[in-house]
Amino acid sequence: MLAIVVFSCNKPGNPALRAPGDQYALPPLAPGTKDQHINIQTGKTTPAELITFARSLTGAPYKYGSTNPEEGFDCSGFVTCVFNHFGIRVPRPSVDFTYVNQVIDIKKAKPGDLILFTGSDSSARIVGHIGIVVSNQGSDLKFIHATSRDDEGVTETALTHYYQVRYIETIRVFPQND
């Protein structure tokens, strides 16, 4: 028996929303600034729906610069794919999430919030990695992301020391999480 599963990060039948040359992504939001944050509009999508879809992509390989679930993702390509699946526009590179929505205390993080980190060089305090919070049980926060570390691709990860030293901020995007 052969089963074929196809994932799409964009709702079918909506080609007008796709970026030129990219059948998997909506046009990205322009980056905000320190003085003017941008807001991600989540509409009627719930954090639970978003997390369920994100988890369905677990195991997809890592591929730099990609939003294509058939090829793999980089970290912001994964976030883009997950949000675009629900018709939600987001910035494309992880650094462009720096001035988005509302920064919250990590202790208040809830599923669907975004968590930002430096790149692999933790001394450069510039956003270079992003994930989606899937759970936060006291001191046991977990997030889902696409990582090139150990060739894992899309995986759920605990907020270990490796990520704690790279942590920059947590962003609230779903108003129902307030």
N, C-alpha and C. Protein backbone atom coordinates (compact mmCIF):
# COMPACT_ATOMS: atom_id res chain seq x y z
N MET A 1 0.84 -1.16 0.00
CA MET A 1 0.00 0.00 0.00
C MET A 1 0.89 1.23 0.00
N LEU A 2 0.61 2.18 -0.85
CA LEU A 2 1.38 3.41 -0.97
C LEU A 2 0.48 4.56 -0.54
N ALA A 3 0.97 5.37 0.39
CA ALA A 3 0.23 6.55 0.83
C ALA A 3 1.06 7.78 0.49
N ILE A 4 0.42 8.74 -0.12
CA ILE A 4 1.10 9.97 -0.47
C ILE A 4 0.45 11.09 0.34
N VAL A 5 1.28 11.82 1.08
CA VAL A 5 0.79 12.94 1.87
C VAL A 5 1.41 14.20 1.29
N VAL A 6 0.58 15.17 1.01
CA VAL A 6 1.05 16.43 0.46
C VAL A 6 0.73 17.54 1.45
N PHE A 7 1.74 18.33 1.81
CA PHE A 7 1.54 19.48 2.68
C PHE A 7 1.59 20.73 1.83
N SER A 8 0.71 21.64 2.09
CA SER A 8 0.74 22.93 1.44
C SER A 8 0.76 24.00 2.51
N CYS A 9 1.63 24.97 2.35
CA CYS A 9 1.70 26.05 3.31
C CYS A 9 0.87 27.24 2.88
N ASN A 10 0.14 27.10 1.82
CA ASN A 10 -0.77 28.14 1.39
C ASN A 10 -2.09 27.48 1.09
N LYS A 11 -3.16 28.14 1.41
CA LYS A 11 -4.46 27.57 1.13
C LYS A 11 -4.61 27.40 -0.38
N PRO A 12 -5.10 26.25 -0.82
CA PRO A 12 -5.25 26.04 -2.26
C PRO A 12 -6.25 27.01 -2.86
N GLY A 13 -6.08 27.28 -4.14
CA GLY A 13 -7.02 28.13 -4.83
C GLY A 13 -6.84 29.60 -4.52
N ASN A 14 -5.69 29.98 -3.99
CA ASN A 14 -5.47 31.36 -3.63
C ASN A 14 -4.14 31.86 -4.22
N PRO A 15 -3.91 31.65 -5.53
CA PRO A 15 -2.62 31.99 -6.11
C PRO A 15 -2.33 33.48 -6.09
N ALA A 16 -3.33 34.33 -5.99
CA ALA A 16 -3.09 35.77 -5.96
C ALA A 16 -2.32 36.20 -4.72
N LEU A 17 -2.38 35.39 -3.68
CA LEU A 17 -1.69 35.74 -2.45
C LEU A 17 -0.24 35.29 -2.42
N ARG A 18 0.18 34.55 -3.41
CA ARG A 18 1.54 34.02 -3.41
C ARG A 18 2.52 35.06 -3.94
N ALA A 19 3.70 35.07 -3.36
CA ALA A 19 4.75 35.97 -3.82
C ALA A 19 5.21 35.52 -5.20
N PRO A 20 5.61 36.47 -6.06
CA PRO A 20 6.09 36.09 -7.38
C PRO A 20 7.24 35.09 -7.28
N GLY A 21 7.14 34.01 -8.01
CA GLY A 21 8.19 33.01 -8.02
C GLY A 21 8.19 32.08 -6.82
N ASP A 22 7.27 32.25 -5.91
CA ASP A 22 7.23 31.40 -4.72
C ASP A 22 5.81 30.91 -4.51
N GLN A 23 5.57 29.67 -4.86
CA GLN A 23 4.22 29.14 -4.76
C GLN A 23 3.82 28.81 -3.34
N TYR A 24 4.75 28.94 -2.38
CA TYR A 24 4.46 28.54 -1.01
C TYR A 24 4.32 29.70 -0.04
N ALA A 25 4.62 30.93 -0.43
CA ALA A 25 4.63 32.02 0.53
C ALA A 25 3.79 33.20 0.06
N LEU A 26 3.12 33.82 1.03
CA LEU A 26 2.43 35.08 0.80
C LEU A 26 3.48 36.18 0.74
N PRO A 27 3.15 37.34 0.20
CA PRO A 27 4.12 38.44 0.24
C PRO A 27 4.46 38.75 1.71
N PRO A 28 5.73 38.90 2.03
CA PRO A 28 6.11 39.12 3.43
C PRO A 28 5.73 40.51 3.91
N LEU A 29 5.53 40.63 5.22
CA LEU A 29 5.33 41.94 5.83
C LEU A 29 6.66 42.67 5.83
N ALA A 30 6.61 43.97 5.63
CA ALA A 30 7.82 44.78 5.73
C ALA A 30 8.26 44.83 7.18
N PRO A 31 9.56 44.93 7.42
CA PRO A 31 10.02 44.97 8.81
C PRO A 31 9.58 46.24 9.51
N GLY A 32 9.39 46.14 10.83
CA GLY A 32 9.08 47.31 11.63
C GLY A 32 10.36 48.02 12.02
N THR A 33 10.22 49.02 12.87
CA THR A 33 11.37 49.76 13.39
C THR A 33 11.23 49.84 14.90
N LYS A 34 12.29 50.34 15.54
CA LYS A 34 12.27 50.50 16.99
C LYS A 34 11.11 51.41 17.41
N ASP A 35 10.80 52.39 16.59
CA ASP A 35 9.74 53.35 16.91
C ASP A 35 8.37 52.94 16.40
N GLN A 36 8.32 52.00 15.47
CA GLN A 36 7.03 51.60 14.91
C GLN A 36 7.01 50.08 14.67
N HIS A 37 6.46 49.36 15.62
CA HIS A 37 6.33 47.91 15.47
C HIS A 37 5.22 47.60 14.48
N ILE A 38 5.32 46.46 13.82
CA ILE A 38 4.25 46.01 12.94
C ILE A 38 3.45 44.93 13.66
N ASN A 39 2.24 44.71 13.23
CA ASN A 39 1.39 43.69 13.85
C ASN A 39 1.08 42.59 12.86
N ILE A 40 1.24 41.37 13.33
CA ILE A 40 0.83 40.20 12.56
C ILE A 40 -0.65 40.01 12.84
N GLN A 41 -1.46 39.97 11.81
CA GLN A 41 -2.90 39.83 11.95
C GLN A 41 -3.27 38.36 11.83
N THR A 42 -3.65 37.74 12.94
CA THR A 42 -3.91 36.30 12.96
C THR A 42 -5.35 35.94 12.62
N GLY A 43 -6.23 36.94 12.52
CA GLY A 43 -7.62 36.67 12.15
C GLY A 43 -8.29 35.70 13.11
N LYS A 44 -8.99 34.72 12.55
CA LYS A 44 -9.73 33.74 13.37
C LYS A 44 -8.91 32.50 13.70
N THR A 45 -7.68 32.43 13.21
CA THR A 45 -6.83 31.27 13.49
C THR A 45 -6.52 31.22 14.98
N THR A 46 -6.56 30.03 15.54
CA THR A 46 -6.23 29.87 16.96
C THR A 46 -4.80 29.36 17.11
N PRO A 47 -4.19 29.62 18.26
CA PRO A 47 -2.86 29.06 18.50
C PRO A 47 -2.85 27.53 18.38
N ALA A 48 -3.91 26.87 18.85
CA ALA A 48 -3.97 25.40 18.78
C ALA A 48 -3.94 24.91 17.33
N GLU A 49 -4.68 25.58 16.44
CA GLU A 49 -4.67 25.20 15.02
C GLU A 49 -3.26 25.38 14.43
N LEU A 50 -2.63 26.50 14.77
CA LEU A 50 -1.30 26.78 14.26
C LEU A 50 -0.29 25.73 14.73
N ILE A 51 -0.34 25.38 16.01
CA ILE A 51 0.59 24.39 16.56
C ILE A 51 0.34 23.01 15.95
N THR A 52 -0.91 22.65 15.77
CA THR A 52 -1.23 21.35 15.16
C THR A 52 -0.63 21.26 13.76
N PHE A 53 -0.78 22.33 12.97
CA PHE A 53 -0.20 22.31 11.63
C PHE A 53 1.33 22.30 11.69
N ALA A 54 1.90 23.11 12.57
CA ALA A 54 3.37 23.15 12.69
C ALA A 54 3.91 21.76 13.01
N ARG A 55 3.25 21.08 13.94
CA ARG A 55 3.71 19.73 14.32
C ARG A 55 3.57 18.73 13.18
N SER A 56 2.64 18.97 12.27
CA SER A 56 2.48 18.05 11.13
C SER A 56 3.70 18.10 10.20
N LEU A 57 4.52 19.13 10.34
CA LEU A 57 5.71 19.28 9.49
C LEU A 57 6.98 18.74 10.17
N THR A 58 6.83 18.19 11.37
CA THR A 58 7.98 17.62 12.08
C THR A 58 8.70 16.61 11.20
N GLY A 59 10.01 16.72 11.17
CA GLY A 59 10.81 15.80 10.37
C GLY A 59 11.18 16.34 9.00
N ALA A 60 10.53 17.44 8.57
CA ALA A 60 10.93 18.04 7.29
C ALA A 60 12.39 18.46 7.41
N PRO A 61 13.18 18.28 6.37
CA PRO A 61 14.61 18.58 6.46
C PRO A 61 14.89 20.07 6.55
N TYR A 62 16.12 20.40 6.94
CA TYR A 62 16.57 21.79 6.94
C TYR A 62 17.05 22.13 5.53
N LYS A 63 16.62 23.29 5.03
CA LYS A 63 17.13 23.80 3.75
C LYS A 63 17.15 25.31 3.81
N TYR A 64 18.33 25.86 3.78
CA TYR A 64 18.50 27.31 3.88
C TYR A 64 17.71 28.03 2.78
N GLY A 65 16.97 29.07 3.19
CA GLY A 65 16.26 29.93 2.25
C GLY A 65 14.95 29.38 1.74
N SER A 66 14.49 28.24 2.23
CA SER A 66 13.30 27.60 1.67
C SER A 66 12.07 27.76 2.56
N THR A 67 10.93 27.94 1.90
CA THR A 67 9.62 27.89 2.55
C THR A 67 8.81 26.71 2.02
N ASN A 68 9.46 25.86 1.25
CA ASN A 68 8.80 24.78 0.54
C ASN A 68 8.82 23.49 1.37
N PRO A 69 7.65 23.00 1.80
CA PRO A 69 7.62 21.80 2.64
C PRO A 69 8.13 20.55 1.92
N GLU A 70 8.12 20.56 0.58
CA GLU A 70 8.62 19.41 -0.16
C GLU A 70 10.14 19.35 -0.17
N GLU A 71 10.79 20.50 0.07
CA GLU A 71 12.25 20.55 0.05
C GLU A 71 12.85 20.69 1.44
N GLY A 72 12.13 21.33 2.35
CA GLY A 72 12.64 21.62 3.68
C GLY A 72 12.57 23.10 3.95
N PHE A 73 13.04 23.50 5.13
CA PHE A 73 12.90 24.88 5.57
C PHE A 73 14.16 25.37 6.28
N ASP A 74 14.36 26.68 6.24
CA ASP A 74 15.20 27.29 7.25
C ASP A 74 14.24 27.76 8.35
N CYS A 75 14.76 28.35 9.43
CA CYS A 75 13.90 28.65 10.58
C CYS A 75 12.77 29.62 10.23
N SER A 76 13.09 30.72 9.56
CA SER A 76 12.03 31.68 9.24
C SER A 76 11.17 31.19 8.08
N GLY A 77 11.72 30.33 7.23
CA GLY A 77 10.91 29.72 6.17
C GLY A 77 9.85 28.80 6.76
N PHE A 78 10.21 28.10 7.83
CA PHE A 78 9.25 27.25 8.53
C PHE A 78 8.14 28.10 9.15
N VAL A 79 8.51 29.16 9.85
CA VAL A 79 7.51 30.05 10.46
C VAL A 79 6.62 30.66 9.38
N THR A 80 7.23 31.09 8.28
CA THR A 80 6.48 31.65 7.17
C THR A 80 5.47 30.64 6.63
N CYS A 81 5.91 29.42 6.39
CA CYS A 81 5.04 28.38 5.87
C CYS A 81 3.86 28.13 6.80
N VAL A 82 4.14 28.00 8.09
CA VAL A 82 3.09 27.69 9.06
C VAL A 82 2.05 28.81 9.11
N PHE A 83 2.48 30.04 9.21
CA PHE A 83 1.53 31.16 9.28
C PHE A 83 0.82 31.36 7.94
N ASN A 84 1.56 31.28 6.83
CA ASN A 84 0.95 31.45 5.51
C ASN A 84 -0.10 30.39 5.23
N HIS A 85 0.04 29.20 5.79
CA HIS A 85 -0.96 28.14 5.62
C HIS A 85 -2.35 28.63 6.02
N PHE A 86 -2.39 29.53 6.99
CA PHE A 86 -3.66 30.08 7.48
C PHE A 86 -3.96 31.46 6.90
N GLY A 87 -3.21 31.85 5.86
CA GLY A 87 -3.43 33.15 5.22
C GLY A 87 -2.90 34.31 6.04
N ILE A 88 -1.96 34.05 6.94
CA ILE A 88 -1.40 35.08 7.81
C ILE A 88 -0.03 35.49 7.27
N ARG A 89 0.10 36.78 6.96
CA ARG A 89 1.37 37.31 6.47
C ARG A 89 2.32 37.60 7.63
N VAL A 90 3.58 37.25 7.43
CA VAL A 90 4.63 37.51 8.42
C VAL A 90 5.86 38.04 7.69
N PRO A 91 6.81 38.64 8.42
CA PRO A 91 8.08 38.99 7.78
C PRO A 91 8.78 37.71 7.31
N ARG A 92 9.74 37.81 6.41
CA ARG A 92 10.41 36.60 5.95
C ARG A 92 11.70 36.27 6.71
N PRO A 93 12.73 37.13 6.72
CA PRO A 93 13.92 36.73 7.47
C PRO A 93 13.70 36.89 8.98
N SER A 94 14.35 36.07 9.77
CA SER A 94 14.13 36.10 11.22
C SER A 94 14.43 37.46 11.82
N VAL A 95 15.44 38.17 11.32
CA VAL A 95 15.77 39.47 11.88
C VAL A 95 14.61 40.46 11.72
N ASP A 96 13.77 40.29 10.71
CA ASP A 96 12.64 41.19 10.49
C ASP A 96 11.52 41.00 11.51
N PHE A 97 11.63 39.98 12.37
CA PHE A 97 10.66 39.79 13.44
C PHE A 97 11.03 40.60 14.68
N THR A 98 12.15 41.31 14.64
CA THR A 98 12.64 42.06 15.80
C THR A 98 11.61 43.05 16.31
N TYR A 99 10.95 43.76 15.43
CA TYR A 99 9.99 44.80 15.84
C TYR A 99 8.58 44.42 15.41
N VAL A 100 8.11 43.29 15.92
CA VAL A 100 6.78 42.79 15.59
C VAL A 100 5.97 42.66 16.87
N ASN A 101 4.72 43.10 16.81
CA ASN A 101 3.74 42.92 17.88
C ASN A 101 4.28 43.31 19.24
N GLN A 102 3.94 42.53 20.24
CA GLN A 102 4.19 42.87 21.64
C GLN A 102 5.22 41.92 22.25
N VAL A 103 6.30 42.48 22.77
CA VAL A 103 7.30 41.69 23.47
C VAL A 103 6.74 41.34 24.85
N ILE A 104 6.89 40.07 25.24
CA ILE A 104 6.39 39.62 26.54
C ILE A 104 7.50 38.93 27.32
N ASP A 105 7.29 38.79 28.61
CA ASP A 105 8.21 38.05 29.46
C ASP A 105 8.14 36.58 29.06
N ILE A 106 9.28 35.94 28.95
CA ILE A 106 9.33 34.53 28.55
C ILE A 106 8.52 33.65 29.51
N LYS A 107 8.42 34.04 30.76
CA LYS A 107 7.65 33.26 31.74
C LYS A 107 6.16 33.25 31.41
N LYS A 108 5.72 34.23 30.61
CA LYS A 108 4.31 34.33 30.22
C LYS A 108 4.05 33.75 28.83
N ALA A 109 5.06 33.14 28.23
CA ALA A 109 4.92 32.59 26.88
C ALA A 109 3.84 31.51 26.84
N LYS A 110 3.07 31.54 25.75
CA LYS A 110 2.00 30.56 25.53
C LYS A 110 2.16 29.98 24.13
N PRO A 111 1.53 28.82 23.89
CA PRO A 111 1.59 28.24 22.54
C PRO A 111 1.16 29.26 21.47
N GLY A 112 1.96 29.32 20.42
CA GLY A 112 1.69 30.25 19.32
C GLY A 112 2.54 31.50 19.39
N ASP A 113 3.11 31.82 20.57
CA ASP A 113 4.01 32.95 20.66
C ASP A 113 5.29 32.62 19.90
N LEU A 114 5.98 33.65 19.46
CA LEU A 114 7.24 33.46 18.73
C LEU A 114 8.41 33.70 19.68
N ILE A 115 9.45 32.92 19.52
CA ILE A 115 10.63 33.05 20.36
C ILE A 115 11.83 33.32 19.46
N LEU A 116 12.58 34.38 19.79
CA LEU A 116 13.68 34.84 18.96
C LEU A 116 15.02 34.62 19.65
N PHE A 117 16.00 34.24 18.85
CA PHE A 117 17.34 33.95 19.34
C PHE A 117 18.37 34.63 18.44
N THR A 118 19.60 34.70 18.93
CA THR A 118 20.70 35.11 18.06
C THR A 118 20.94 33.98 17.06
N GLY A 119 21.80 34.26 16.10
CA GLY A 119 22.29 33.17 15.26
C GLY A 119 23.23 32.32 16.11
N SER A 120 24.02 31.49 15.49
CA SER A 120 24.88 30.58 16.25
C SER A 120 25.96 31.31 17.05
N ASP A 121 26.26 32.56 16.69
CA ASP A 121 27.21 33.37 17.47
C ASP A 121 26.41 34.18 18.48
N SER A 122 26.38 33.71 19.72
CA SER A 122 25.56 34.36 20.75
C SER A 122 26.09 35.72 21.17
N SER A 123 27.33 36.06 20.80
CA SER A 123 27.86 37.38 21.15
C SER A 123 27.29 38.47 20.24
N ALA A 124 26.81 38.12 19.08
CA ALA A 124 26.16 39.07 18.17
C ALA A 124 24.68 39.11 18.55
N ARG A 125 24.27 40.13 19.27
CA ARG A 125 22.91 40.18 19.83
C ARG A 125 21.91 40.68 18.79
N ILE A 126 21.90 40.01 17.65
CA ILE A 126 20.98 40.30 16.55
C ILE A 126 20.19 39.03 16.28
N VAL A 127 18.90 39.18 16.04
CA VAL A 127 18.06 38.02 15.78
C VAL A 127 18.58 37.27 14.55
N GLY A 128 18.76 35.96 14.73
CA GLY A 128 19.23 35.10 13.65
C GLY A 128 18.54 33.74 13.64
N HIS A 129 17.60 33.55 14.58
CA HIS A 129 16.87 32.28 14.65
C HIS A 129 15.51 32.53 15.29
N ILE A 130 14.51 31.74 14.86
CA ILE A 130 13.14 31.93 15.34
C ILE A 130 12.45 30.58 15.47
N GLY A 131 11.55 30.49 16.44
CA GLY A 131 10.74 29.30 16.63
C GLY A 131 9.36 29.69 17.13
N ILE A 132 8.48 28.71 17.25
CA ILE A 132 7.11 28.91 17.73
C ILE A 132 6.96 28.14 19.04
N VAL A 133 6.55 28.83 20.10
CA VAL A 133 6.35 28.18 21.39
C VAL A 133 5.22 27.16 21.27
N VAL A 134 5.46 25.93 21.72
CA VAL A 134 4.41 24.90 21.71
C VAL A 134 3.90 24.58 23.10
N SER A 135 4.73 24.82 24.13
CA SER A 135 4.27 24.59 25.51
C SER A 135 5.18 25.36 26.46
N ASN A 136 4.64 25.67 27.63
CA ASN A 136 5.42 26.35 28.67
C ASN A 136 4.86 25.93 30.02
N GLN A 137 5.45 24.89 30.56
CA GLN A 137 5.04 24.35 31.86
C GLN A 137 6.05 24.78 32.91
N GLY A 138 5.86 25.95 33.47
CA GLY A 138 6.82 26.44 34.47
C GLY A 138 8.16 26.74 33.83
N SER A 139 9.17 25.98 34.20
CA SER A 139 10.51 26.21 33.64
C SER A 139 10.79 25.29 32.45
N ASP A 140 9.76 24.63 31.93
CA ASP A 140 9.93 23.67 30.84
C ASP A 140 9.28 24.19 29.57
N LEU A 141 9.91 25.19 28.94
CA LEU A 141 9.39 25.75 27.69
C LEU A 141 9.90 24.92 26.53
N LYS A 142 9.01 24.63 25.57
CA LYS A 142 9.40 23.92 24.35
C LYS A 142 8.93 24.74 23.15
N PHE A 143 9.71 24.68 22.08
CA PHE A 143 9.36 25.39 20.86
C PHE A 143 9.64 24.49 19.67
N ILE A 144 8.96 24.77 18.57
CA ILE A 144 9.16 24.02 17.33
C ILE A 144 9.84 24.97 16.34
N HIS A 145 10.80 24.43 15.62
CA HIS A 145 11.60 25.25 14.71
C HIS A 145 12.29 24.36 13.70
N ALA A 146 12.85 24.99 12.69
CA ALA A 146 13.70 24.27 11.73
C ALA A 146 15.14 24.61 12.09
N THR A 147 15.91 23.59 12.37
CA THR A 147 17.28 23.80 12.80
C THR A 147 18.26 23.03 11.92
N SER A 148 19.39 23.65 11.68
CA SER A 148 20.46 22.97 10.94
C SER A 148 21.37 22.21 11.91
N ARG A 149 21.18 22.45 13.18
CA ARG A 149 22.01 21.79 14.21
C ARG A 149 21.74 20.29 14.18
N ASP A 150 22.77 19.50 14.10
CA ASP A 150 22.66 18.04 14.06
C ASP A 150 21.77 17.56 12.92
N ASP A 151 21.61 18.37 11.88
CA ASP A 151 20.79 18.02 10.72
C ASP A 151 19.38 17.58 11.10
N GLU A 152 18.78 18.21 12.09
CA GLU A 152 17.47 17.79 12.57
C GLU A 152 16.31 18.26 11.70
N GLY A 153 16.38 19.45 11.11
CA GLY A 153 15.23 19.98 10.39
C GLY A 153 14.17 20.42 11.37
N VAL A 154 12.90 20.20 11.05
CA VAL A 154 11.80 20.64 11.92
C VAL A 154 11.70 19.70 13.11
N THR A 155 11.81 20.28 14.30
CA THR A 155 11.81 19.50 15.53
C THR A 155 11.31 20.35 16.69
N GLU A 156 10.85 19.69 17.74
CA GLU A 156 10.52 20.39 18.98
C GLU A 156 11.74 20.31 19.90
N THR A 157 12.04 21.43 20.54
CA THR A 157 13.24 21.53 21.36
C THR A 157 12.91 22.20 22.68
N ALA A 158 13.51 21.71 23.75
CA ALA A 158 13.40 22.37 25.05
C ALA A 158 14.33 23.58 25.06
N LEU A 159 14.01 24.53 25.90
CA LEU A 159 14.83 25.73 26.03
C LEU A 159 16.06 25.39 26.89
N THR A 160 17.00 24.70 26.26
CA THR A 160 18.23 24.26 26.94
C THR A 160 19.19 25.43 27.10
N HIS A 161 20.29 25.18 27.79
CA HIS A 161 21.31 26.21 27.99
C HIS A 161 21.79 26.77 26.64
N TYR A 162 21.95 25.91 25.64
CA TYR A 162 22.38 26.34 24.31
C TYR A 162 21.48 27.45 23.78
N TYR A 163 20.18 27.31 23.96
CA TYR A 163 19.24 28.34 23.49
C TYR A 163 19.06 29.47 24.50
N GLN A 164 19.20 29.19 25.78
CA GLN A 164 19.06 30.24 26.79
C GLN A 164 20.09 31.35 26.59
N VAL A 165 21.34 31.00 26.27
CA VAL A 165 22.36 32.03 26.07
C VAL A 165 22.16 32.79 24.76
N ARG A 166 21.40 32.24 23.86
CA ARG A 166 21.10 32.89 22.59
C ARG A 166 19.75 33.61 22.59
N TYR A 167 18.96 33.44 23.65
CA TYR A 167 17.62 34.01 23.73
C TYR A 167 17.66 35.53 23.62
N ILE A 168 16.75 36.09 22.81
CA ILE A 168 16.62 37.54 22.69
C ILE A 168 15.27 38.01 23.26
N GLU A 169 14.16 37.47 22.74
CA GLU A 169 12.85 37.90 23.24
C GLU A 169 11.75 36.96 22.79
N THR A 170 10.60 37.13 23.42
CA THR A 170 9.40 36.37 23.07
C THR A 170 8.35 37.38 22.61
N ILE A 171 7.65 37.04 21.54
CA ILE A 171 6.67 37.95 20.94
C ILE A 171 5.28 37.32 20.99
N ARG A 172 4.32 38.09 21.44
CA ARG A 172 2.92 37.66 21.45
C ARG A 172 2.28 38.10 20.14
N VAL A 173 1.74 37.12 19.39
CA VAL A 173 1.07 37.45 18.13
C VAL A 173 -0.43 37.16 18.15
N PHE A 174 -0.86 36.26 19.01
CA PHE A 174 -2.28 35.93 19.08
C PHE A 174 -2.96 36.72 20.20
N PRO A 175 -3.93 37.57 19.86
CA PRO A 175 -4.59 38.36 20.91
C PRO A 175 -5.27 37.51 21.97
N GLN A 176 -5.71 36.30 21.60
CA GLN A 176 -6.38 35.44 22.59
C GLN A 176 -5.40 34.90 23.63
N ASN A 177 -4.09 35.09 23.43
CA ASN A 177 -3.10 34.68 24.43
C ASN A 177 -2.91 35.74 25.51
N ASP A 178 -3.48 36.94 25.31
CA ASP A 178 -3.34 38.01 26.32
C ASP A 178 -4.12 37.68 27.57
